[in-house]
Amino acid sequence: MQASGSQNVQNVQNILLDAYRNVNTQFTYHAQNMANADHFPESPDEEPYRRKVPVFTVERDAETGLDRPKISHTTDDAKPFIKEYRPGHVAADEKGYIRKPNISYNQEMTEVRAITIKGEMLQQTYKAGTTLRRTVLDLLA
């Protein structure tokens, strides 16, 4: 059975909503990363916070046959920790270095800006789809 024009627009809007949810989840990860960027370990043996990175997958919607983006899980960024010379710090090793989280504010802010643009585009596309759906329903009425 072929979907109606209105149903096709609704399917696209549902995919846009999924993508928008993913954008919100990405914001959460970046906020968490930035909040932990200055967290120092309490001892030389303690592992610093490791940057979290969302992993995307695409799931096929059985009802519509359309692919839908989804954040399936997160992984720790494999980049090495940042070493900083701080002799006397409780977390300093025998050479006076502490290990800081592998987080760059510049990278996080650049990604947040890109996600913001993506979110704005999704919002505009969703609004256009809503207008199109109303038009299709008016034409079918």
Protein backbone atom coordinates (compact mmCIF):
# COMPACT_ATOMS: atom_id res chain seq x y z
CA MET A 1 0.00 0.00 0.00
CA GLN A 2 1.40 3.37 -1.00
CA ALA A 3 1.39 6.15 1.58
CA SER A 4 -0.55 9.32 0.90
CA GLY A 5 1.18 12.65 0.40
CA SER A 6 0.19 13.69 3.90
CA GLN A 7 1.56 10.44 5.35
CA ASN A 8 4.85 10.91 3.46
CA VAL A 9 5.22 14.38 4.95
CA GLN A 10 4.44 12.95 8.41
CA ASN A 11 7.12 10.27 7.91
CA VAL A 12 9.69 12.93 7.01
CA GLN A 13 8.67 14.99 10.03
CA ASN A 14 9.13 11.96 12.30
CA ILE A 15 12.65 11.48 10.94
CA LEU A 16 13.35 15.18 11.52
CA LEU A 17 12.15 14.83 15.12
CA ASP A 18 14.50 11.87 15.62
CA ALA A 19 17.37 13.94 14.22
CA TYR A 20 16.41 16.84 16.50
CA ARG A 21 16.45 14.51 19.52
CA ASN A 22 19.91 13.40 18.46
CA VAL A 23 21.01 17.05 18.32
CA ASN A 24 19.75 17.58 21.88
CA THR A 25 21.60 14.46 23.04
CA GLN A 26 24.80 15.69 21.38
CA PHE A 27 24.45 18.99 23.26
CA THR A 28 24.25 17.02 26.50
CA TYR A 29 27.48 15.14 25.76
CA HIS A 30 29.37 18.30 24.86
CA ALA A 31 28.10 20.06 27.99
CA GLN A 32 29.22 17.08 30.08
CA ASN A 33 32.64 17.11 28.42
CA MET A 34 33.10 20.85 29.01
CA ALA A 35 31.91 20.56 32.61
CA ASN A 36 34.60 17.94 33.27
CA ALA A 37 37.43 19.57 31.30
CA ASP A 38 39.03 21.09 34.39
CA HIS A 39 38.53 18.13 36.69
CA PHE A 40 41.88 16.99 38.08
CA PRO A 41 42.41 13.52 39.54
CA GLU A 42 42.87 13.19 43.30
CA SER A 43 45.95 10.97 42.99
CA PRO A 44 48.54 9.99 40.37
CA ASP A 45 46.82 6.60 39.98
CA GLU A 46 43.37 8.03 39.38
CA GLU A 47 42.22 8.18 35.77
CA PRO A 48 41.05 11.63 34.61
CA TYR A 49 37.66 12.08 32.97
CA ARG A 50 37.79 10.86 29.39
CA ARG A 51 35.90 12.75 26.67
CA LYS A 52 32.64 11.05 25.63
CA VAL A 53 31.75 10.73 21.95
CA PRO A 54 28.30 9.67 20.70
CA VAL A 55 28.17 6.85 18.14
CA PHE A 56 25.48 7.03 15.47
CA THR A 57 23.70 4.20 13.73
CA VAL A 58 20.91 4.11 11.18
CA GLU A 59 17.85 1.99 11.83
CA ARG A 60 15.38 1.03 9.14
CA ASP A 61 11.80 1.81 10.11
CA ALA A 62 9.79 -1.36 9.42
CA GLU A 63 6.57 0.59 8.83
CA THR A 64 7.90 3.15 6.37
CA GLY A 65 11.07 1.50 5.07
CA LEU A 66 12.95 4.75 5.76
CA ASP A 67 16.30 4.99 7.51
CA ARG A 68 16.29 6.81 10.85
CA PRO A 69 19.38 8.21 12.57
CA LYS A 70 19.95 7.19 16.17
CA ILE A 71 22.67 7.55 18.79
CA SER A 72 23.27 3.94 19.74
CA HIS A 73 25.85 4.44 22.49
CA THR A 74 28.83 6.49 23.55
CA THR A 75 32.48 5.67 23.51
CA ASP A 76 35.45 7.18 25.24
CA ASP A 77 37.69 9.32 23.06
CA ALA A 78 40.99 7.45 22.62
CA LYS A 79 43.06 10.64 22.50
CA PRO A 80 45.76 10.67 25.18
CA PHE A 81 45.27 12.68 28.33
CA ILE A 82 46.77 16.17 28.49
CA LYS A 83 49.91 16.32 30.62
CA GLU A 84 50.61 19.46 32.59
CA TYR A 85 53.61 20.21 34.76
CA ARG A 86 52.35 20.90 38.29
CA PRO A 87 54.87 19.75 40.86
CA GLY A 88 53.38 19.56 44.31
CA HIS A 89 49.86 18.77 43.07
CA VAL A 90 48.36 15.73 44.82
CA ALA A 91 47.88 14.02 41.46
CA ALA A 92 51.39 14.77 40.18
CA ASP A 93 53.56 11.82 39.23
CA GLU A 94 57.20 11.47 40.30
CA LYS A 95 58.23 13.86 37.49
CA GLY A 96 55.72 16.53 38.59
CA TYR A 97 53.14 16.02 35.80
CA ILE A 98 49.41 15.60 36.23
CA ARG A 99 47.10 14.04 33.66
CA LYS A 100 44.13 16.19 32.68
CA PRO A 101 41.03 15.17 30.71
CA ASN A 102 41.55 14.81 26.95
CA ILE A 103 39.16 17.68 26.25
CA SER A 104 39.75 20.76 24.13
CA TYR A 105 37.36 23.66 24.72
CA ASN A 106 37.99 24.82 21.15
CA GLN A 107 36.97 21.45 19.73
CA GLU A 108 33.89 21.21 21.95
CA MET A 109 32.75 24.75 21.11
CA THR A 110 33.32 24.19 17.39
CA GLU A 111 31.21 21.05 17.52
CA VAL A 112 28.52 22.80 19.58
CA ARG A 113 28.35 25.54 16.94
CA ALA A 114 28.00 22.97 14.15
CA ILE A 115 25.26 21.19 16.12
CA THR A 116 23.49 24.52 16.68
CA ILE A 117 23.44 25.16 12.94
CA LYS A 118 22.17 21.64 12.32
CA GLY A 119 19.43 22.13 14.92
CA GLU A 120 18.35 25.42 13.34
CA MET A 121 18.19 23.79 9.90
CA LEU A 122 16.14 20.89 11.28
CA GLN A 123 13.76 23.32 12.95
CA GLN A 124 13.25 25.29 9.73
CA THR A 125 12.75 22.08 7.73
CA TYR A 126 10.24 20.80 10.29
CA LYS A 127 8.27 24.07 10.10
CA ALA A 128 8.26 23.89 6.30
CA GLY A 129 7.04 20.28 6.51
CA THR A 130 4.23 21.30 8.86
CA THR A 131 3.13 24.00 6.42
CA LEU A 132 3.33 21.53 3.53
CA ARG A 133 1.31 18.94 5.46
CA ARG A 134 -1.42 21.48 6.22
CA THR A 135 -1.51 22.44 2.53
CA VAL A 136 -1.79 18.80 1.45
CA LEU A 137 -4.59 18.18 3.97
CA ASP A 138 -6.41 21.32 2.75
CA LEU A 139 -6.11 20.14 -0.86
CA LEU A 140 -7.42 16.68 0.04
CA ALA A 141 -10.36 18.12 2.00
